C-alpha atoms as a PDB file:
ATOM      1  CA  MET A   1     -39.313  51.289  27.568  1.00  0.00           C
ATOM      2  CA  LEU A   2     -40.641  48.280  25.670  1.00  0.00           C
ATOM      3  CA  ASN A   3     -40.036  50.056  22.366  1.00  0.00           C
ATOM      4  CA  LYS A   4     -36.405  50.665  23.314  1.00  0.00           C
ATOM      5  CA  ILE A   5     -35.849  46.946  23.910  1.00  0.00           C
ATOM      6  CA  LYS A   6     -37.486  46.003  20.592  1.00  0.00           C
ATOM      7  CA  ASN A   7     -35.510  48.578  18.622  1.00  0.00           C
ATOM      8  CA  ARG A   8     -32.163  47.634  20.152  1.00  0.00           C
ATOM      9  CA  LYS A   9     -29.809  45.960  17.642  1.00  0.00           C
ATOM     10  CA  GLN A  10     -28.494  42.524  18.408  1.00  0.00           C
ATOM     11  CA  GLU A  11     -24.723  42.534  18.057  1.00  0.00           C
ATOM     12  CA  GLY A  12     -22.199  39.677  18.156  1.00  0.00           C
ATOM     13  CA  PHE A  13     -22.491  35.972  17.525  1.00  0.00           C
ATOM     14  CA  THR A  14     -24.460  33.385  19.403  1.00  0.00           C
ATOM     15  CA  ILE A  15     -22.630  30.575  21.148  1.00  0.00           C
ATOM     16  CA  ILE A  16     -24.017  28.104  18.590  1.00  0.00           C
ATOM     17  CA  GLU A  17     -22.534  30.049  15.683  1.00  0.00           C
ATOM     18  CA  VAL A  18     -19.142  30.181  17.401  1.00  0.00           C
ATOM     19  CA  LEU A  19     -19.214  26.430  18.101  1.00  0.00           C
ATOM     20  CA  ILE A  20     -20.102  25.650  14.476  1.00  0.00           C
ATOM     21  CA  VAL A  21     -17.188  27.759  13.210  1.00  0.00           C
ATOM     22  CA  LEU A  22     -14.806  26.047  15.664  1.00  0.00           C
ATOM     23  CA  ALA A  23     -16.033  22.602  14.618  1.00  0.00           C
ATOM     24  CA  ILE A  24     -15.475  23.392  10.931  1.00  0.00           C
ATOM     25  CA  ALA A  25     -11.984  24.781  11.660  1.00  0.00           C
ATOM     26  CA  GLY A  26     -11.194  21.643  13.655  1.00  0.00           C
ATOM     27  CA  LEU A  27     -12.226  19.406  10.758  1.00  0.00           C
ATOM     28  CA  ILE A  28     -10.054  21.362   8.343  1.00  0.00           C
ATOM     29  CA  MET A  29      -7.063  21.092  10.696  1.00  0.00           C
ATOM     30  CA  LEU A  30      -7.634  17.337  11.082  1.00  0.00           C
ATOM     31  CA  ILE A  31      -7.688  16.831   7.324  1.00  0.00           C
ATOM     32  CA  VAL A  32      -4.474  18.839   6.905  1.00  0.00           C
ATOM     33  CA  PHE A  33      -2.653  16.959   9.682  1.00  0.00           C
ATOM     34  CA  LEU A  34      -3.672  13.628   8.156  1.00  0.00           C
ATOM     35  CA  ALA A  35      -2.676  14.586   4.611  1.00  0.00           C
ATOM     36  CA  VAL A  36       0.757  16.117   5.263  1.00  0.00           C
ATOM     37  CA  PRO A  37       2.602  12.895   6.305  1.00  0.00           C
ATOM     38  CA  ALA A  38       1.276  11.065   3.237  1.00  0.00           C
ATOM     39  CA  LEU A  39       2.467  13.893   0.988  1.00  0.00           C
ATOM     40  CA  GLN A  40       5.900  13.822   2.606  1.00  0.00           C
ATOM     41  CA  ARG A  41       6.134  10.020   2.196  1.00  0.00           C
ATOM     42  CA  ASN A  42       5.153  10.310  -1.477  1.00  0.00           C
ATOM     43  CA  SER A  43       7.818  12.962  -1.963  1.00  0.00           C
ATOM     44  CA  ARG A  44      10.496  10.746  -0.403  1.00  0.00           C
ATOM     45  CA  ASN A  45       9.348   7.765  -2.490  1.00  0.00           C
ATOM     46  CA  THR A  46       9.633   9.891  -5.631  1.00  0.00           C
ATOM     47  CA  GLU A  47      13.219  10.731  -4.676  1.00  0.00           C
ATOM     48  CA  VAL A  48      13.966   7.007  -4.178  1.00  0.00           C
ATOM     49  CA  LYS A  49      12.468   6.213  -7.606  1.00  0.00           C
ATOM     50  CA  ASN A  50      14.624   8.895  -9.229  1.00  0.00           C
ATOM     51  CA  GLU A  51      17.758   7.530  -7.557  1.00  0.00           C
ATOM     52  CA  ALA A  52      16.847   3.982  -8.605  1.00  0.00           C
ATOM     53  CA  ASN A  53      16.479   5.188 -12.184  1.00  0.00           C
ATOM     54  CA  ARG A  54      19.934   6.780 -11.990  1.00  0.00           C
ATOM     55  CA  MET A  55      21.334   3.485 -10.645  1.00  0.00           C
ATOM     56  CA  ALA A  56      19.593   1.555 -13.426  1.00  0.00           C
ATOM     57  CA  THR A  57      21.181   3.917 -15.928  1.00  0.00           C
ATOM     58  CA  GLY A  58      24.557   3.334 -14.253  1.00  0.00           C
ATOM     59  CA  ILE A  59      24.132  -0.441 -14.448  1.00  0.00           C
ATOM     60  CA  ASN A  60      23.127  -0.160 -18.106  1.00  0.00           C
ATOM     61  CA  GLU A  61      26.208   1.962 -18.823  1.00  0.00           C
ATOM     62  CA  PHE A  62      28.379  -0.536 -16.947  1.00  0.00           C
ATOM     63  CA  ILE A  63      27.017  -3.408 -19.053  1.00  0.00           C
ATOM     64  CA  SER A  64      27.544  -1.410 -22.270  1.00  0.00           C
ATOM     65  CA  ASN A  65      31.090  -0.374 -21.319  1.00  0.00           C
ATOM     66  CA  ALA A  66      32.003  -3.925 -20.277  1.00  0.00           C
ATOM     67  CA  ASN A  67      30.879  -5.403 -23.621  1.00  0.00           C
ATOM     68  CA  GLY A  68      27.825  -7.128 -22.145  1.00  0.00           C
ATOM     69  CA  LYS A  69      29.424  -8.278 -18.905  1.00  0.00           C
ATOM     70  CA  ASN A  70      27.152  -7.780 -15.914  1.00  0.00           C
ATOM     71  CA  PRO A  71      28.444  -6.104 -12.755  1.00  0.00           C
ATOM     72  CA  SER A  72      30.191  -8.435 -10.353  1.00  0.00           C
ATOM     73  CA  ALA A  73      28.069  -9.924  -7.589  1.00  0.00           C
ATOM     74  CA  SER A  74      30.979 -10.064  -5.176  1.00  0.00           C
ATOM     75  CA  ALA A  75      30.277  -9.353  -1.539  1.00  0.00           C
ATOM     76  CA  SER A  76      33.059  -6.805  -1.465  1.00  0.00           C
ATOM     77  CA  THR A  77      32.190  -3.328  -0.253  1.00  0.00           C
ATOM     78  CA  THR A  78      35.520  -1.790  -1.142  1.00  0.00           C
ATOM     79  CA  ALA A  79      35.707   1.275  -3.311  1.00  0.00           C
ATOM     80  CA  ASN A  80      36.726  -0.922  -6.265  1.00  0.00           C
ATOM     81  CA  SER A  81      33.601  -3.090  -6.269  1.00  0.00           C
ATOM     82  CA  ASP A  82      31.177  -2.713  -9.157  1.00  0.00           C
ATOM     83  CA  ALA A  83      28.258  -1.943  -6.822  1.00  0.00           C
ATOM     84  CA  GLU A  84      30.200   0.829  -5.089  1.00  0.00           C
ATOM     85  CA  THR A  85      31.200   2.351  -8.440  1.00  0.00           C
ATOM     86  CA  ILE A  86      27.599   2.340  -9.695  1.00  0.00           C
ATOM     87  CA  TYR A  87      26.274   3.624  -6.358  1.00  0.00           C
ATOM     88  CA  LYS A  88      28.693   6.556  -6.247  1.00  0.00           C
ATOM     89  CA  GLY A  89      27.965   7.378  -9.882  1.00  0.00           C
ATOM     90  CA  ALA A  90      24.251   7.635  -9.091  1.00  0.00           C
ATOM     91  CA  THR A  91      24.901  10.187  -6.306  1.00  0.00           C
ATOM     92  CA  ALA A  92      22.242   8.571  -4.125  1.00  0.00           C
ATOM     93  CA  THR A  93      21.089   9.997  -0.817  1.00  0.00           C
ATOM     94  CA  ARG A  94      17.779   8.183  -0.186  1.00  0.00           C
ATOM     95  CA  ILE A  95      19.091   4.772  -1.262  1.00  0.00           C
ATOM     96  CA  THR A  96      21.768   3.902   1.247  1.00  0.00           C
ATOM     97  CA  LYS A  97      22.970   0.558  -0.141  1.00  0.00           C
ATOM     98  CA  LEU A  98      23.203  -1.199  -3.500  1.00  0.00           C
ATOM     99  CA  THR A  99      23.739  -4.945  -3.594  1.00  0.00           C
ATOM    100  CA  ILE A 100      24.394  -6.970  -6.735  1.00  0.00           C
ATOM    101  CA  GLN A 101      23.424 -10.637  -6.759  1.00  0.00           C
ATOM    102  CA  THR A 102      22.882 -13.414  -9.276  1.00  0.00           C
ATOM    103  CA  GLY A 103      19.880 -15.182  -7.740  1.00  0.00           C
ATOM    104  CA  ASP A 104      16.250 -14.266  -7.223  1.00  0.00           C
ATOM    105  CA  VAL A 105      15.009 -11.802  -4.667  1.00  0.00           C
ATOM    106  CA  THR A 106      12.560 -14.030  -2.823  1.00  0.00           C
ATOM    107  CA  ASN A 107       9.939 -11.417  -1.943  1.00  0.00           C
ATOM    108  CA  ALA A 108       9.277  -7.719  -1.692  1.00  0.00           C
ATOM    109  CA  SER A 109      10.107  -7.568   2.021  1.00  0.00           C
ATOM    110  CA  ASP A 110      13.744  -8.384   1.182  1.00  0.00           C
ATOM    111  CA  THR A 111      14.198  -4.769   0.114  1.00  0.00           C
ATOM    112  CA  PRO A 112      13.435  -2.385   2.950  1.00  0.00           C
ATOM    113  CA  SER A 113      13.240   1.331   2.289  1.00  0.00           C
ATOM    114  CA  GLY A 114      16.563   2.757   1.138  1.00  0.00           C
ATOM    115  CA  ILE A 115      17.992  -0.555  -0.132  1.00  0.00           C
ATOM    116  CA  ALA A 116      18.407  -1.551  -3.786  1.00  0.00           C
ATOM    117  CA  ILE A 117      19.209  -5.029  -5.099  1.00  0.00           C
ATOM    118  CA  ALA A 118      20.382  -5.551  -8.669  1.00  0.00           C
ATOM    119  CA  VAL A 119      19.895  -9.049 -10.091  1.00  0.00           C
ATOM    120  CA  THR A 120      22.271  -9.842 -12.946  1.00  0.00           C
ATOM    121  CA  ASN A 121      20.744 -11.736 -15.871  1.00  0.00           C
ATOM    122  CA  GLY A 122      17.440 -10.788 -14.277  1.00  0.00           C
ATOM    123  CA  GLN A 123      14.024  -9.535 -15.142  1.00  0.00           C
ATOM    124  CA  CYS A 124      11.126  -8.007 -13.246  1.00  0.00           C
ATOM    125  CA  ASN A 125       8.243 -10.218 -12.226  1.00  0.00           C
ATOM    126  CA  GLY A 126       5.824  -7.638 -10.901  1.00  0.00           C
ATOM    127  CA  ASN A 127       7.701  -5.806  -8.141  1.00  0.00           C
ATOM    128  CA  ILE A 128      10.196  -8.634  -7.605  1.00  0.00           C
ATOM    129  CA  ALA A 129      13.498  -9.119  -9.433  1.00  0.00           C
ATOM    130  CA  LYS A 130      14.016 -12.684 -10.688  1.00  0.00           C
ATOM    131  CA  SER A 131      16.856 -14.364 -12.523  1.00  0.00           C
ATOM    132  CA  GLY A 132      16.261 -15.820 -15.948  1.00  0.00           C
ATOM    133  CA  GLY A 133      16.937 -12.906 -18.251  1.00  0.00           C
ATOM    134  CA  THR A 134      19.501 -12.717 -21.009  1.00  0.00           C
ATOM    135  CA  ALA A 135      23.183 -11.983 -20.478  1.00  0.00           C
ATOM    136  CA  ARG A 136      22.666  -8.278 -21.152  1.00  0.00           C
ATOM    137  CA  GLN A 137      19.654  -7.946 -18.866  1.00  0.00           C
ATOM    138  CA  ALA A 138      19.459  -6.964 -15.238  1.00  0.00           C
ATOM    139  CA  ALA A 139      16.676  -6.016 -12.872  1.00  0.00           C
ATOM    140  CA  LEU A 140      16.864  -3.499 -10.046  1.00  0.00           C
ATOM    141  CA  GLN A 141      14.512  -3.949  -7.102  1.00  0.00           C
ATOM    142  CA  TYR A 142      14.311  -1.188  -4.517  1.00  0.00           C
ATOM    143  CA  GLY A 143      12.350  -0.591  -1.346  1.00  0.00           C
ATOM    144  CA  LEU A 144       9.916   2.238  -0.727  1.00  0.00           C
ATOM    145  CA  GLU A 145       8.460   3.569   2.491  1.00  0.00           C
ATOM    146  CA  GLY A 146       5.382   1.774   3.721  1.00  0.00           C
ATOM    147  CA  GLY A 147       6.788  -1.706   3.049  1.00  0.00           C
ATOM    148  CA  GLN A 148       6.397  -1.449  -0.731  1.00  0.00           C
ATOM    149  CA  SER A 149       8.959  -2.285  -3.346  1.00  0.00           C
ATOM    150  CA  ALA A 150       9.355  -1.653  -7.053  1.00  0.00           C
ATOM    151  CA  CYS A 151      11.399  -3.167  -9.857  1.00  0.00           C
ATOM    152  CA  ILE A 152      13.084  -1.626 -12.910  1.00  0.00           C
ATOM    153  CA  GLN A 153      13.991  -3.756 -15.924  1.00  0.00           C
ATOM    154  CA  ILE A 154      17.431  -2.839 -17.256  1.00  0.00           C
END
């Protein structure tokens, strides 16, 4: 009888082995759930950057076609305004509004996600658009998710 017990095979896993496997699976799931939102935010920010580049190209084309005249900084939002023309030409979906102004953007928080501000006769000072450029220069500041902003020199 004792020999039968000694010769019997042990089958299955112990409770400790099962708990270790579950703990490792839980850690992997936690890492995935933490990484996915950051990847999605980076993807959306990349789309915003691409749209801002298209708008910068549109502003540059506007300046070239208007013999060096910058887009108008009028507050008009009619279909005939320069900002509306540039915005529609850029076919933006992530940037919901383009504003053209002549003065400085005071700080990065002035451009929330999805908003772009073009400063005529402007230049980039870090991530902030400032006036003080030449007549053919402009700067485009746009907001990213996470409270960040970026600036493109045109």
